[in-house]
């Protein structure tokens, strides 16, 4: 069955659609597509009815910006994370025993501890450090000692993990119906796994899915550019609606491709869009960028050092220089990934040839490339 593609004239119409669904929704989208703008538009739509009215608890790049690191450059002693108490995000924290709410989440990912000074709006970190004394004549066995090191500097990844766990603790309060967060009707989470390795990405996705599966009080919208994170969430949240989001041909136009119930890998959706564009002739310069993205991932998967190794070399280009150079030029420079500048006819023919040679060598399920059904919203 062909997968449905929904087309929206702008972000506001997409927000209206998402709010009307009343279901958990997963969205995969590349950076630059408008994920963060969508999360903010969704949040703003929940403020209708007054300045203090709101219904969305959100996590995105703006949430991370509520926390800033202070190295205490003058004294070099009290290093810590300062949070902006002016934000409504922190309104319900007084008397909420946040340390004990955050700690169970944080212990899943990190080996450091923390304390919160609410008056100074500051988080300090500490870590247990073990040392081993070498054997001596008086003490022939090595001796292990432990001490707590306060006011440590945590890494950027650890800082992001802490902020994420802070958000999870607040989200859990909303899900549990805490009196300070009964206004929350939606969770909107945009890319919670920046600076995380794949192991932590899987852990974060699995943990978040468990949090959402066991409740019916709040609808969640989750958007990400991280394929592995999306795949885990896709498999965990069986009943959620799952989409691939991209820009349409017209200015401000947004499209959602329904991934249905099949296991989702974003390169499949990319291949579908390339095949359709090659068939219809609606080829734009950004399609070379998408093709390069797929070639690079294929090269890495098959153990090659360069995407050029996945380009079939023709008799008149035995070194594969011409097509590799075309991909290099047309996927960089002044050609934006989402800028709808149509290719010249000669470049279209080169594109079709490279794409056909690639799919002949690395076969995909041809049923995936049926004409997609488009519904105008």
Protein backbone atom coordinates (compact mmCIF):
# COMPACT_ATOMS: atom_id res chain seq x y z
CA UNK A 1 0.00 0.00 0.00
CA UNK A 2 1.37 3.42 -0.94
CA UNK A 3 2.29 5.63 1.95
CA UNK A 4 0.35 8.82 2.42
CA UNK A 5 2.03 12.21 2.20
CA UNK A 6 0.33 15.17 3.88
CA UNK A 7 1.13 18.66 2.61
CA UNK A 8 0.71 21.78 4.77
CA UNK A 9 0.97 25.35 3.54
CA UNK A 10 2.98 26.46 6.60
CA UNK A 11 4.01 25.49 10.14
CA UNK A 12 0.82 26.84 11.71
CA UNK A 13 -1.36 24.49 9.64
CA UNK A 14 0.91 21.61 10.65
CA UNK A 15 0.52 22.62 14.31
CA UNK A 16 -3.26 22.58 13.93
CA UNK A 17 -3.05 19.07 12.49
CA UNK A 18 -0.82 17.75 15.28
CA UNK A 19 -3.03 19.24 17.97
CA UNK A 20 -6.14 17.68 16.42
CA UNK A 21 -4.75 14.14 16.46
CA UNK A 22 -4.70 13.60 20.25
CA UNK A 23 -2.07 10.88 19.94
CA UNK A 24 1.63 10.43 20.52
CA UNK A 25 3.49 11.51 17.38
CA UNK A 26 7.04 10.80 16.19
CA UNK A 27 8.64 13.01 13.54
CA UNK A 28 11.96 12.44 11.80
CA UNK A 29 13.43 15.49 10.06
CA UNK A 30 16.86 16.70 9.02
CA UNK A 31 18.38 19.79 10.60
CA UNK A 32 17.22 22.90 8.78
CA UNK A 33 13.74 21.57 8.10
CA UNK A 34 12.13 23.58 10.90
CA UNK A 35 11.93 21.15 13.83
CA UNK A 36 12.76 23.74 16.49
CA UNK A 37 10.50 26.34 14.88
CA UNK A 38 7.71 23.76 14.84
CA UNK A 39 8.16 23.05 18.56
CA UNK A 40 7.96 26.78 19.36
CA UNK A 41 4.92 27.28 17.11
CA UNK A 42 3.23 24.35 18.84
CA UNK A 43 4.01 25.87 22.26
CA UNK A 44 2.73 29.31 21.23
CA UNK A 45 -0.52 27.80 19.94
CA UNK A 46 -1.19 26.60 23.49
CA UNK A 47 -1.03 30.14 24.88
CA UNK A 48 -4.28 31.33 23.36
CA UNK A 49 -6.50 32.90 25.98
CA UNK A 50 -3.98 34.98 27.90
CA UNK A 51 -0.33 35.66 28.62
CA UNK A 52 -0.14 33.12 31.44
CA UNK A 53 -2.16 30.47 29.61
CA UNK A 54 -0.16 27.51 28.38
CA UNK A 55 -0.62 23.79 27.81
CA UNK A 56 2.75 22.56 26.48
CA UNK A 57 5.81 21.46 28.44
CA UNK A 58 8.60 21.46 25.90
CA UNK A 59 12.21 20.39 25.55
CA UNK A 60 14.31 21.85 22.75
CA UNK A 61 17.40 24.00 22.19
CA UNK A 62 15.70 26.84 24.09
CA UNK A 63 15.27 24.61 27.13
CA UNK A 64 18.99 23.86 27.14
CA UNK A 65 19.66 27.60 26.95
CA UNK A 66 17.90 28.06 30.30
CA UNK A 67 21.06 26.56 31.84
CA UNK A 68 24.48 28.22 31.58
CA UNK A 69 27.81 26.99 32.90
CA UNK A 70 29.76 29.16 35.35
CA UNK A 71 33.46 28.33 35.74
CA UNK A 72 33.90 30.82 38.62
CA UNK A 73 36.83 32.41 36.81
CA UNK A 74 37.61 34.76 39.70
CA UNK A 75 37.93 32.20 42.53
CA UNK A 76 38.09 28.96 40.48
CA UNK A 77 36.21 27.16 43.26
CA UNK A 78 32.43 27.21 42.89
CA UNK A 79 31.91 25.81 39.40
CA UNK A 80 28.35 24.98 38.52
CA UNK A 81 25.31 25.21 36.31
CA UNK A 82 23.13 28.31 36.69
CA UNK A 83 19.46 28.14 35.66
CA UNK A 84 17.16 31.00 34.74
CA UNK A 85 14.42 31.22 37.38
CA UNK A 86 12.59 33.81 35.26
CA UNK A 87 11.37 31.00 32.98
CA UNK A 88 7.95 29.43 33.64
CA UNK A 89 9.69 26.07 33.24
CA UNK A 90 10.87 26.36 36.84
CA UNK A 91 7.62 27.68 38.31
CA UNK A 92 6.57 24.50 40.10
CA UNK A 93 9.88 23.45 41.61
CA UNK A 94 9.75 25.05 45.06
CA UNK A 95 9.21 22.35 47.65
CA UNK A 96 9.12 19.63 44.98
CA UNK A 97 12.25 17.80 46.27
CA UNK A 98 13.75 17.92 42.77
CA UNK A 99 17.06 16.31 43.76
CA UNK A 100 15.32 13.06 44.64
CA UNK A 101 13.16 13.29 41.51
CA UNK A 102 16.12 13.88 39.18
CA UNK A 103 18.58 11.45 40.77
CA UNK A 104 16.82 8.17 39.70
CA UNK A 105 16.87 9.37 36.08
CA UNK A 106 20.46 10.62 36.21
CA UNK A 107 21.81 7.39 37.72
CA UNK A 108 20.83 5.59 34.53
CA UNK A 109 23.32 7.62 32.50
CA UNK A 110 26.01 9.18 34.71
CA UNK A 111 28.32 8.49 37.65
CA UNK A 112 28.28 11.96 39.22
CA UNK A 113 25.97 13.47 41.83
CA UNK A 114 24.67 17.00 42.34
CA UNK A 115 22.95 19.44 44.68
CA UNK A 116 20.64 22.37 43.91
CA UNK A 117 20.78 25.77 45.57
CA UNK A 118 17.34 27.23 44.78
CA UNK A 119 18.11 30.64 46.26
CA UNK A 120 21.10 31.07 43.94
CA UNK A 121 19.45 29.07 41.12
CA UNK A 122 22.60 27.02 40.87
CA UNK A 123 23.50 23.33 40.48
CA UNK A 124 26.81 22.02 41.84
CA UNK A 125 28.27 18.69 40.83
CA UNK A 126 30.42 16.18 42.67
CA UNK A 127 31.94 12.83 41.92
CA UNK A 128 33.19 9.91 43.97
CA UNK A 129 36.84 9.27 43.12
CA UNK A 130 38.61 6.04 44.00
CA UNK A 131 42.37 5.83 44.47
CA UNK A 132 44.59 2.82 45.14
CA UNK A 133 47.68 3.12 47.32
CA UNK A 134 50.58 1.04 46.11
CA UNK A 135 51.76 -1.82 48.35
CA UNK A 136 54.53 -1.08 50.83
CA UNK A 137 56.59 -3.19 53.19
CA UNK A 138 54.30 -2.21 56.05
CA UNK A 139 51.17 -2.67 53.92
CA UNK A 140 51.82 -5.42 51.33
CA UNK A 141 48.28 -5.31 49.96
CA UNK A 142 47.01 -2.41 47.83
CA UNK A 143 44.56 -0.17 49.70
CA UNK A 144 41.59 1.40 47.93
CA UNK A 145 40.28 4.69 49.28
CA UNK A 146 37.33 6.80 48.19
CA UNK A 147 36.79 10.52 48.44
CA UNK A 148 34.17 12.98 47.21
CA UNK A 149 35.39 15.75 44.92
CA UNK A 150 33.04 18.76 45.03
CA UNK A 151 32.39 21.53 42.48
CA UNK A 152 33.68 19.46 39.59
CA UNK A 153 33.54 20.53 35.97
CA UNK A 154 31.35 18.09 34.03
CA UNK A 155 31.69 17.49 30.30
CA UNK A 156 29.32 19.03 27.77
CA UNK A 157 27.73 15.61 27.24
CA UNK A 158 27.25 15.15 30.99
CA UNK A 159 25.78 18.64 31.23
CA UNK A 160 23.26 17.80 28.49
CA UNK A 161 22.40 14.54 30.22
CA UNK A 162 21.72 16.39 33.48
CA UNK A 163 19.47 18.95 31.75
CA UNK A 164 17.61 16.12 30.03
CA UNK A 165 17.11 14.32 33.37
CA UNK A 166 15.93 17.60 34.91
CA UNK A 167 13.30 17.80 32.17
CA UNK A 168 12.32 14.15 32.65
CA UNK A 169 11.73 14.76 36.34
CA UNK A 170 9.45 17.70 35.52
CA UNK A 171 7.69 15.65 32.81
CA UNK A 172 7.13 12.84 35.30
CA UNK A 173 5.50 15.33 37.69
CA UNK A 174 3.17 16.44 34.88
CA UNK A 175 2.33 12.85 33.93
CA UNK A 176 1.60 12.02 37.57
CA UNK A 177 -0.79 14.98 37.81
CA UNK A 178 1.28 17.02 40.27
CA UNK A 179 -0.70 20.09 41.36
CA UNK A 180 1.93 22.48 39.99
CA UNK A 181 1.83 20.92 36.51
CA UNK A 182 -1.84 20.16 35.90
CA UNK A 183 -1.77 22.74 33.11
CA UNK A 184 0.31 20.40 30.94
CA UNK A 185 -1.71 18.79 28.16
CA UNK A 186 1.17 18.16 25.75
CA UNK A 187 4.84 17.25 25.92
CA UNK A 188 6.87 18.49 22.96
CA UNK A 189 10.39 17.05 22.79
CA UNK A 190 12.80 18.10 20.06
CA UNK A 191 16.17 16.33 19.74
CA UNK A 192 16.93 15.33 23.34
CA UNK A 193 20.13 13.45 22.43
CA UNK A 194 22.61 16.10 21.25
CA UNK A 195 26.22 15.20 22.17
CA UNK A 196 25.26 11.62 23.07
CA UNK A 197 26.86 8.48 21.71
CA UNK A 198 24.74 5.67 20.24
CA UNK A 199 24.58 3.70 23.50
CA UNK A 200 23.12 6.67 25.36
CA UNK A 201 20.83 7.48 22.43
CA UNK A 202 19.33 3.99 22.69
CA UNK A 203 19.05 4.29 26.48
CA UNK A 204 17.37 7.70 26.28
CA UNK A 205 14.91 6.51 23.63
CA UNK A 206 13.99 3.34 25.52
CA UNK A 207 13.60 5.21 28.79
CA UNK A 208 11.45 7.95 27.25
CA UNK A 209 9.26 5.37 25.51
CA UNK A 210 8.62 3.57 28.80
CA UNK A 211 7.68 6.88 30.43
CA UNK A 212 5.15 7.64 27.69
CA UNK A 213 3.71 4.15 27.24
CA UNK A 214 2.51 3.83 30.81
CA UNK A 215 0.30 6.91 30.86
CA UNK A 216 -2.78 8.30 29.11
CA UNK A 217 -2.94 11.81 30.56
CA UNK A 218 -0.65 13.69 28.17
CA UNK A 219 -0.03 13.55 24.41
CA UNK A 220 3.59 13.74 23.27
CA UNK A 221 5.15 15.04 20.07
CA UNK A 222 8.77 14.00 19.55
CA UNK A 223 10.91 15.28 16.69
CA UNK A 224 14.51 14.30 15.93
CA UNK A 225 17.18 14.18 13.24
CA UNK A 226 18.86 11.16 14.89
CA UNK A 227 17.97 8.01 12.91
CA UNK A 228 18.87 5.51 15.64
CA UNK A 229 16.89 7.40 18.28
CA UNK A 230 13.88 7.55 15.96
CA UNK A 231 14.07 3.85 15.14
CA UNK A 232 14.08 2.84 18.81
CA UNK A 233 11.15 5.14 19.58
CA UNK A 234 9.34 3.83 16.48
CA UNK A 235 9.62 0.24 17.64
CA UNK A 236 8.75 1.02 21.27
CA UNK A 237 5.69 3.23 20.69
CA UNK A 238 3.56 0.94 18.56
CA UNK A 239 0.44 3.12 18.63
CA UNK A 240 2.13 6.43 17.89
CA UNK A 241 1.79 8.17 14.54
CA UNK A 242 5.16 8.24 12.77
CA UNK A 243 6.22 10.68 10.07
CA UNK A 244 9.15 11.82 7.98
CA UNK A 245 9.04 15.63 7.71
CA UNK A 246 10.56 17.65 4.89
CA UNK A 247 10.06 20.96 3.13
CA UNK A 248 7.73 21.12 0.15
CA UNK A 249 8.33 22.76 -3.20
CA UNK A 250 6.66 26.03 -2.28
CA UNK A 251 7.96 28.54 0.24
CA UNK A 252 6.86 27.70 3.82
CA UNK A 253 5.31 24.42 2.64
CA UNK A 254 5.85 21.38 4.89
CA UNK A 255 5.24 17.71 4.12
CA UNK A 256 4.76 14.70 6.39
CA UNK A 257 5.26 11.21 5.00
CA UNK A 258 3.49 8.51 6.98
CA UNK A 259 5.92 5.67 7.75
CA UNK A 260 3.03 3.34 8.61
CA UNK A 261 3.80 0.18 10.56
CA UNK A 262 6.96 -0.83 8.73
CA UNK A 263 10.27 -0.49 10.57
CA UNK A 264 11.46 3.01 9.76
CA UNK A 265 14.88 3.89 8.46
CA UNK A 266 15.13 7.44 7.21
CA UNK A 267 17.34 6.48 4.26
CA UNK A 268 14.37 4.53 2.86
CA UNK A 269 12.23 7.66 2.85
CA UNK A 270 15.10 9.55 1.23
CA UNK A 271 15.40 6.90 -1.46
CA UNK A 272 11.66 7.10 -2.10
CA UNK A 273 11.86 10.85 -2.62
CA UNK A 274 14.86 10.48 -4.96
CA UNK A 275 13.19 7.78 -7.04
CA UNK A 276 10.01 9.82 -7.35
CA UNK A 277 11.94 12.96 -8.32
CA UNK A 278 13.95 11.03 -10.93
CA UNK A 279 10.76 9.54 -12.39
CA UNK A 280 8.77 12.77 -12.55
CA UNK A 281 11.72 14.93 -13.62
CA UNK A 282 11.13 17.29 -10.68
CA UNK A 283 14.82 17.26 -9.75
CA UNK A 284 16.38 20.06 -7.72
CA UNK A 285 19.95 20.79 -6.69
CA UNK A 286 19.31 19.62 -3.13
CA UNK A 287 18.66 16.09 -4.44
CA UNK A 288 22.42 15.75 -5.01
CA UNK A 289 22.92 16.53 -1.33
CA UNK A 290 20.46 13.80 -0.34
CA UNK A 291 22.11 11.35 -2.74
CA UNK A 292 25.52 12.08 -1.25
CA UNK A 293 24.12 11.47 2.24
CA UNK A 294 22.94 8.00 1.20
CA UNK A 295 26.19 7.19 -0.61
CA UNK A 296 28.23 8.13 2.47
CA UNK A 297 26.14 5.92 4.77
CA UNK A 298 26.32 3.04 2.27
CA UNK A 299 30.11 3.39 2.00
CA UNK A 300 30.48 3.34 5.80
CA UNK A 301 28.18 0.32 6.12
CA UNK A 302 30.16 -1.67 3.53
CA UNK A 303 33.55 -0.68 4.95
CA UNK A 304 34.65 1.75 2.24
CA UNK A 305 36.63 4.88 3.02
CA UNK A 306 34.79 7.25 0.69
CA UNK A 307 31.36 7.65 -0.92
CA UNK A 308 33.08 7.55 -4.33
CA UNK A 309 33.57 3.81 -3.84
CA UNK A 310 29.80 3.35 -4.17
CA UNK A 311 29.61 5.12 -7.55
CA UNK A 312 29.62 2.77 -10.53
CA UNK A 313 32.38 3.67 -12.93
CA UNK A 314 31.38 3.88 -16.57
CA UNK A 315 33.56 3.09 -19.58
CA UNK A 316 34.14 6.77 -20.34
CA UNK A 317 34.93 7.56 -16.67
CA UNK A 318 36.96 4.60 -15.41
CA UNK A 319 38.22 6.51 -12.38
CA UNK A 320 34.73 7.67 -11.36
CA UNK A 321 35.94 11.26 -11.37
CA UNK A 322 33.14 12.95 -13.29
CA UNK A 323 30.18 11.80 -11.21
CA UNK A 324 32.04 12.12 -7.91
CA UNK A 325 33.01 15.67 -8.80
CA UNK A 326 29.42 16.50 -9.75
CA UNK A 327 28.14 15.24 -6.41
CA UNK A 328 30.84 17.19 -4.59
CA UNK A 329 30.05 20.45 -6.37
CA UNK A 330 26.27 20.19 -6.40
CA UNK A 331 25.98 19.13 -2.74
CA UNK A 332 28.01 22.09 -1.48
CA UNK A 333 28.61 25.71 -2.33
CA UNK A 334 25.56 27.88 -2.90
CA UNK A 335 23.16 24.96 -3.24
CA UNK A 336 21.03 24.62 -0.12
CA UNK A 337 19.62 21.23 0.86
CA UNK A 338 16.13 22.67 0.97
CA UNK A 339 16.39 25.40 -1.66
CA UNK A 340 14.11 24.52 -4.58
CA UNK A 341 16.46 25.35 -7.50
CA UNK A 342 15.74 23.06 -10.45
CA UNK A 343 18.62 21.15 -12.06
CA UNK A 344 19.69 21.72 -15.63
CA UNK A 345 18.63 18.95 -18.01
CA UNK A 346 22.18 17.65 -18.41
CA UNK A 347 22.57 17.35 -14.63
CA UNK A 348 19.23 15.55 -14.40
CA UNK A 349 20.53 12.88 -16.76
CA UNK A 350 23.72 12.48 -14.75
CA UNK A 351 21.67 12.23 -11.55
CA UNK A 352 19.38 9.54 -12.98
CA UNK A 353 22.38 7.55 -14.19
CA UNK A 354 24.17 7.70 -10.82
CA UNK A 355 20.98 6.78 -8.96
CA UNK A 356 20.15 3.85 -11.28
CA UNK A 357 23.68 2.44 -11.10
CA UNK A 358 23.55 2.72 -7.30
CA UNK A 359 20.17 0.95 -6.94
CA UNK A 360 21.25 -1.74 -9.41
CA UNK A 361 24.29 -2.48 -7.24
CA UNK A 362 22.67 -2.01 -3.81
CA UNK A 363 19.15 -3.35 -4.27
CA UNK A 364 16.14 -1.94 -2.40
CA UNK A 365 12.65 -3.40 -2.19
CA UNK A 366 11.00 -2.00 -5.33
CA UNK A 367 7.58 -2.01 -3.63
CA UNK A 368 8.83 0.95 -1.58
CA UNK A 369 9.01 3.13 -4.66
CA UNK A 370 5.37 3.10 -5.71
CA UNK A 371 3.79 6.45 -6.40
CA UNK A 372 2.94 8.15 -3.08
CA UNK A 373 -0.56 9.37 -2.48
CA UNK A 374 -0.67 13.09 -1.72
CA UNK A 375 -3.40 14.69 0.32
CA UNK A 376 -3.55 18.48 0.31
CA UNK A 377 -4.44 19.97 3.68
